Structure formats: structure tokens, C-alpha cells
């Protein structure tokens, strides 16, 4: 498991994959990343401390992710993350969170602001088709409107290639995402055991028709493989 990397091609930054207590939702039908968890807080802290020691601050930007939301780190790991940010003069911190933590996101924005850190929050929207997101993917967001999502998230993650999606749906998602958020991150779905099937035909269409349009766009990250950021 690689837990530290540097992203050099777009929005240069360091990235760390930390380990938390586990995703509180853990019901998304397309995901088994929540299995990367550790209930032993001492062990969790030790792993995260070793990873965070690798942060140099050379880009003044750090992306810190875990298999769930940032708020599912234990308190010591969370404090260590913020200590590293201030110690290494990180000016922008990118984290991921489920929509259920929207109140805590507001609080963290204020806390980071006082530390001189701009907080950017990534949200796994997956799609703006709310029925598909909730009834098929079982994302657990409920039915917030676009304004609510904009207030909570700065960057949106999309999932492409699950059974039941259409190319038009994907195109619409990207358009809305680019018009309303700082960045868009597109993840091509990789089918794994015991979770929903992939639509390989849709993925091929995406790579042929959509990927060339956005692969060089500075505000769009496309993960053809889920380890393309160098962690995982």
C-alpha cells in the first residue's frame, strides 16, 4: 500500500493516504475502499505519523485522503495533520468528506482559516442525477440541491462506468461540475468482487469521446486507474 506521492502534472501537490476508523456510511454499492480502516488508535496514529513525516511542503499544497471522510481520523492523527500543515507552511489543504459532515466542514474551514490555510473539500457527488446517486449507488446524500452542494464542496468527484449510466449523463455531470466548482475529478469505475458491475462499453466510449476533450484541462483530473495519483 502506497500512502505518499506527489502529483506533478496538474495542480502540483503532495498527497497522503491516511488510515482512519472507517467510513461511517459504508453502504455505497460501488465501493469497498472502506475496508482500509484501523480501530486500534495507537496503530492508526503510528501509520499516519510515518506517512505525514514524508510531507516536505515543497508545493505549499497538501491533499490528505482516507478511505472515508477526514473526520473519521482519530483525534491524534487529525491534530498531527494540522500540525504538519502549519509546520511545513502548507497554504492549501485538500480533504475529502461525505455530505453528512457538512456542519463539521464549516467548522473546519474556520479553523483552517485561522491557521492561514485555505481548505478545499472534495465530495464524492458521483453524479448530479440524484435518483441514480441515491437509488442505484446508495450514496446516502439525500436530495440536496446544487446550491447546498456548492456551499459544502469545492471539488467534485464523479464515477464513470457503472452499469446503468449513460454517456449523456456523464457529459451533463462534467458540464455542471465545471460550471459550479473549482475542480472536477473523474474516476473510471473498476469492478471489484461483490460490488456492482462495470459497464466496460461506457468506459470505452468515455475514453474515445470525452477523455481527449479534458485530459489536458488544468481543472480536471481523470483517474483511468484508481491508483493514478500514486497512492493506494
Protein backbone atom coordinates (compact mmCIF):
# COMPACT_ATOMS: atom_id res chain seq x y z
CA UNK A 1 0.00 0.00 0.00
CA UNK A 2 1.48 3.31 -1.14
CA UNK A 3 0.45 6.16 1.15
CA UNK A 4 2.58 9.10 -0.04
CA UNK A 5 3.05 10.56 -3.50
CA UNK A 6 3.46 13.78 -5.47
CA UNK A 7 1.12 14.94 -8.23
CA UNK A 8 3.22 16.79 -10.77
CA UNK A 9 1.16 17.17 -13.94
CA UNK A 10 -1.79 19.32 -12.75
CA UNK A 11 -2.28 21.42 -9.62
CA UNK A 12 1.05 20.26 -8.23
CA UNK A 13 0.72 18.93 -4.71
CA UNK A 14 1.75 16.28 -2.27
CA UNK A 15 -0.82 13.63 -1.44
CA UNK A 16 -1.12 11.30 1.53
CA UNK A 17 -3.45 8.35 2.00
CA UNK A 18 -4.11 8.15 5.71
CA UNK A 19 -5.94 5.42 7.59
CA UNK A 20 -8.99 6.14 9.71
CA UNK A 21 -11.60 4.47 11.86
CA UNK A 22 -13.59 3.54 8.78
CA UNK A 23 -16.29 5.19 6.69
CA UNK A 24 -19.36 5.78 8.84
CA UNK A 25 -21.65 5.29 5.83
CA UNK A 26 -20.03 2.22 4.20
CA UNK A 27 -23.17 1.50 2.16
CA UNK A 28 -22.23 2.75 -1.31
CA UNK A 29 -22.89 -0.12 -3.70
CA UNK A 30 -19.78 0.57 -5.79
CA UNK A 31 -17.18 0.86 -3.02
CA UNK A 32 -15.06 -1.38 -0.85
CA UNK A 33 -12.38 1.20 -0.03
CA UNK A 34 -13.87 1.47 3.45
CA UNK A 35 -12.08 -1.80 4.22
CA UNK A 36 -8.88 0.24 4.66
CA UNK A 37 -9.55 1.01 8.31
CA UNK A 38 -7.93 0.57 11.68
CA UNK A 39 -9.76 0.51 15.01
CA UNK A 40 -6.53 0.41 17.01
CA UNK A 41 -5.96 4.13 17.55
CA UNK A 42 -2.30 3.75 18.55
CA UNK A 43 -1.57 1.73 15.41
CA UNK A 44 -3.58 4.14 13.28
CA UNK A 45 -1.67 7.12 14.65
CA UNK A 46 1.69 5.41 14.12
CA UNK A 47 0.89 4.66 10.47
CA UNK A 48 -0.35 8.19 9.82
CA UNK A 49 2.55 9.81 11.64
CA UNK A 50 5.06 7.92 9.47
CA UNK A 51 3.23 8.96 6.31
CA UNK A 52 2.95 12.61 7.35
CA UNK A 53 6.68 12.74 8.12
CA UNK A 54 7.26 12.46 4.35
CA UNK A 55 5.49 15.75 3.64
CA UNK A 56 8.02 18.40 2.61
CA UNK A 57 5.74 21.35 1.87
CA UNK A 58 7.56 21.99 -1.41
CA UNK A 59 4.35 22.95 -3.27
CA UNK A 60 2.63 24.51 -0.23
CA UNK A 61 -0.33 22.29 -1.15
CA UNK A 62 -1.27 19.00 0.51
CA UNK A 63 -4.09 16.61 -0.32
CA UNK A 64 -4.97 14.33 2.58
CA UNK A 65 -7.40 11.50 1.89
CA UNK A 66 -8.50 8.38 3.70
CA UNK A 67 -10.99 5.64 2.96
CA UNK A 68 -13.93 7.66 4.17
CA UNK A 69 -14.11 11.23 5.41
CA UNK A 70 -11.36 13.30 7.02
CA UNK A 71 -13.48 13.44 10.17
CA UNK A 72 -13.06 9.69 10.59
CA UNK A 73 -9.42 10.01 11.55
CA UNK A 74 -8.75 9.68 15.26
CA UNK A 75 -8.09 12.92 17.12
CA UNK A 76 -4.31 12.45 17.36
CA UNK A 77 -4.00 11.76 13.63
CA UNK A 78 -6.18 14.76 12.82
CA UNK A 79 -4.10 17.01 15.07
CA UNK A 80 -0.89 15.68 13.52
CA UNK A 81 -2.21 16.53 10.06
CA UNK A 82 -2.87 20.14 11.06
CA UNK A 83 0.50 20.35 12.85
CA UNK A 84 2.26 19.20 9.68
CA UNK A 85 0.35 21.80 7.66
CA UNK A 86 1.45 24.64 9.91
CA UNK A 87 4.98 23.29 10.35
CA UNK A 88 5.56 22.79 6.62
CA UNK A 89 3.82 26.06 5.70
CA UNK A 90 1.02 24.41 3.75
CA UNK A 91 -1.17 27.17 2.30
CA UNK A 92 -3.88 24.95 0.84
CA UNK A 93 -5.21 21.69 2.26
CA UNK A 94 -7.46 19.41 0.18
CA UNK A 95 -9.56 16.87 2.05
CA UNK A 96 -12.49 14.55 1.29
CA UNK A 97 -15.77 14.29 3.14
CA UNK A 98 -19.23 12.79 2.93
CA UNK A 99 -22.13 15.26 2.81
CA UNK A 100 -23.29 14.08 6.25
CA UNK A 101 -20.40 16.09 7.75
CA UNK A 102 -21.42 19.42 6.22
CA UNK A 103 -21.67 21.13 9.62
CA UNK A 104 -18.20 19.93 10.60
CA UNK A 105 -16.88 21.09 7.23
CA UNK A 106 -17.94 24.66 8.06
CA UNK A 107 -16.18 24.42 11.41
CA UNK A 108 -13.01 23.05 9.83
CA UNK A 109 -12.97 25.83 7.22
CA UNK A 110 -12.99 28.38 10.02
CA UNK A 111 -10.28 26.55 11.95
CA UNK A 112 -8.02 26.30 8.90
CA UNK A 113 -8.61 29.93 8.03
CA UNK A 114 -7.35 30.97 11.45
CA UNK A 115 -4.20 28.92 10.73
CA UNK A 116 -3.70 30.68 7.40
CA UNK A 117 -4.75 27.61 5.42
CA UNK A 118 -7.27 27.55 2.59
CA UNK A 119 -9.40 24.42 2.89
CA UNK A 120 -10.71 22.76 -0.27
CA UNK A 121 -13.23 19.99 0.24
CA UNK A 122 -13.74 17.16 -2.23
CA UNK A 123 -17.11 15.48 -2.33
CA UNK A 124 -17.95 12.19 -3.97
CA UNK A 125 -21.01 13.51 -5.77
CA UNK A 126 -20.56 10.64 -8.31
CA UNK A 127 -23.37 12.15 -10.44
CA UNK A 128 -25.85 15.03 -10.30
CA UNK A 129 -28.60 12.58 -11.26
CA UNK A 130 -29.95 12.41 -7.72
CA UNK A 131 -32.19 9.38 -8.23
CA UNK A 132 -29.32 7.42 -9.74
CA UNK A 133 -26.98 8.53 -6.98
CA UNK A 134 -29.36 7.60 -4.16
CA UNK A 135 -31.41 4.70 -5.53
CA UNK A 136 -28.71 2.93 -7.55
CA UNK A 137 -25.40 3.95 -5.99
CA UNK A 138 -26.88 4.34 -2.47
CA UNK A 139 -24.63 7.30 -1.73
CA UNK A 140 -26.53 8.49 1.33
CA UNK A 141 -26.58 12.21 0.45
CA UNK A 142 -30.33 12.55 0.36
CA UNK A 143 -31.56 15.16 -2.09
CA UNK A 144 -29.62 18.41 -1.57
CA UNK A 145 -29.91 20.98 -4.34
CA UNK A 146 -26.98 22.33 -6.31
CA UNK A 147 -26.70 25.38 -4.06
CA UNK A 148 -26.35 23.15 -0.99
CA UNK A 149 -23.62 21.12 -2.67
CA UNK A 150 -21.75 24.26 -3.77
CA UNK A 151 -21.83 25.55 -0.21
CA UNK A 152 -20.33 22.29 1.07
CA UNK A 153 -17.85 21.22 -1.61
CA UNK A 154 -15.17 22.95 -3.67
CA UNK A 155 -14.20 19.94 -5.79
CA UNK A 156 -16.48 17.15 -7.01
CA UNK A 157 -15.63 13.54 -7.76
CA UNK A 158 -17.54 11.71 -10.47
CA UNK A 159 -17.79 7.97 -11.02
CA UNK A 160 -17.88 6.80 -14.64
CA UNK A 161 -18.58 3.30 -15.90
CA UNK A 162 -21.11 1.75 -13.57
CA UNK A 163 -23.94 -0.28 -15.02
CA UNK A 164 -26.97 1.89 -15.77
CA UNK A 165 -25.11 5.11 -16.57
CA UNK A 166 -25.27 6.77 -19.98
CA UNK A 167 -22.72 8.84 -21.86
CA UNK A 168 -25.13 11.79 -21.92
CA UNK A 169 -25.43 11.61 -18.14
CA UNK A 170 -21.64 11.75 -17.84
CA UNK A 171 -21.37 14.70 -20.22
CA UNK A 172 -24.02 16.60 -18.27
CA UNK A 173 -22.31 15.87 -14.95
CA UNK A 174 -18.97 17.21 -16.18
CA UNK A 175 -20.58 20.35 -17.60
CA UNK A 176 -22.40 21.13 -14.33
CA UNK A 177 -19.30 20.32 -12.31
CA UNK A 178 -17.03 22.60 -14.29
CA UNK A 179 -19.52 25.47 -14.19
CA UNK A 180 -20.07 25.34 -10.45
CA UNK A 181 -16.95 24.01 -8.70
CA UNK A 182 -13.22 24.73 -8.57
CA UNK A 183 -12.18 21.36 -9.94
CA UNK A 184 -13.60 18.10 -11.23
CA UNK A 185 -12.10 14.67 -10.60
CA UNK A 186 -13.35 11.80 -12.77
CA UNK A 187 -12.82 8.22 -11.62
CA UNK A 188 -13.27 5.34 -14.03
CA UNK A 189 -15.02 2.58 -12.15
CA UNK A 190 -13.09 -0.63 -11.63
CA UNK A 191 -15.30 -3.58 -10.88
CA UNK A 192 -14.33 -5.50 -7.78
CA UNK A 193 -15.67 -8.62 -6.08
CA UNK A 194 -19.15 -8.48 -4.57
CA UNK A 195 -19.96 -4.94 -5.71
CA UNK A 196 -21.94 -3.60 -8.66
CA UNK A 197 -20.89 -4.49 -12.22
CA UNK A 198 -18.99 -2.14 -14.52
CA UNK A 199 -20.12 -1.03 -17.96
CA UNK A 200 -16.96 -1.56 -19.98
CA UNK A 201 -18.66 -0.29 -23.12
CA UNK A 202 -19.41 3.04 -21.48
CA UNK A 203 -15.83 3.31 -20.26
CA UNK A 204 -14.59 2.73 -23.82
CA UNK A 205 -16.93 5.44 -25.13
CA UNK A 206 -15.72 7.80 -22.42
CA UNK A 207 -12.08 7.23 -23.35
CA UNK A 208 -12.83 7.78 -27.03
CA UNK A 209 -15.25 10.71 -26.90
CA UNK A 210 -14.76 12.57 -23.60
CA UNK A 211 -11.25 11.84 -22.33
CA UNK A 212 -9.50 13.67 -25.23
CA UNK A 213 -11.55 16.81 -24.51
CA UNK A 214 -10.48 17.11 -20.88
CA UNK A 215 -7.21 15.21 -20.42
CA UNK A 216 -5.16 18.43 -20.64
CA UNK A 217 -7.61 20.68 -18.81
CA UNK A 218 -5.88 22.07 -15.72
CA UNK A 219 -9.09 21.92 -13.70
CA UNK A 220 -9.94 18.30 -14.49
CA UNK A 221 -8.27 15.23 -13.01
CA UNK A 222 -9.04 11.91 -14.69
CA UNK A 223 -8.14 8.70 -12.91
CA UNK A 224 -8.21 5.95 -15.50
CA UNK A 225 -6.89 3.69 -12.77
CA UNK A 226 -7.74 4.31 -9.14
CA UNK A 227 -4.04 4.49 -8.22
CA UNK A 228 -3.16 7.17 -10.81
CA UNK A 229 -2.44 9.68 -8.03
CA UNK A 230 0.30 7.34 -6.83
CA UNK A 231 -1.41 6.17 -3.66
CA UNK A 232 -3.48 3.10 -2.94
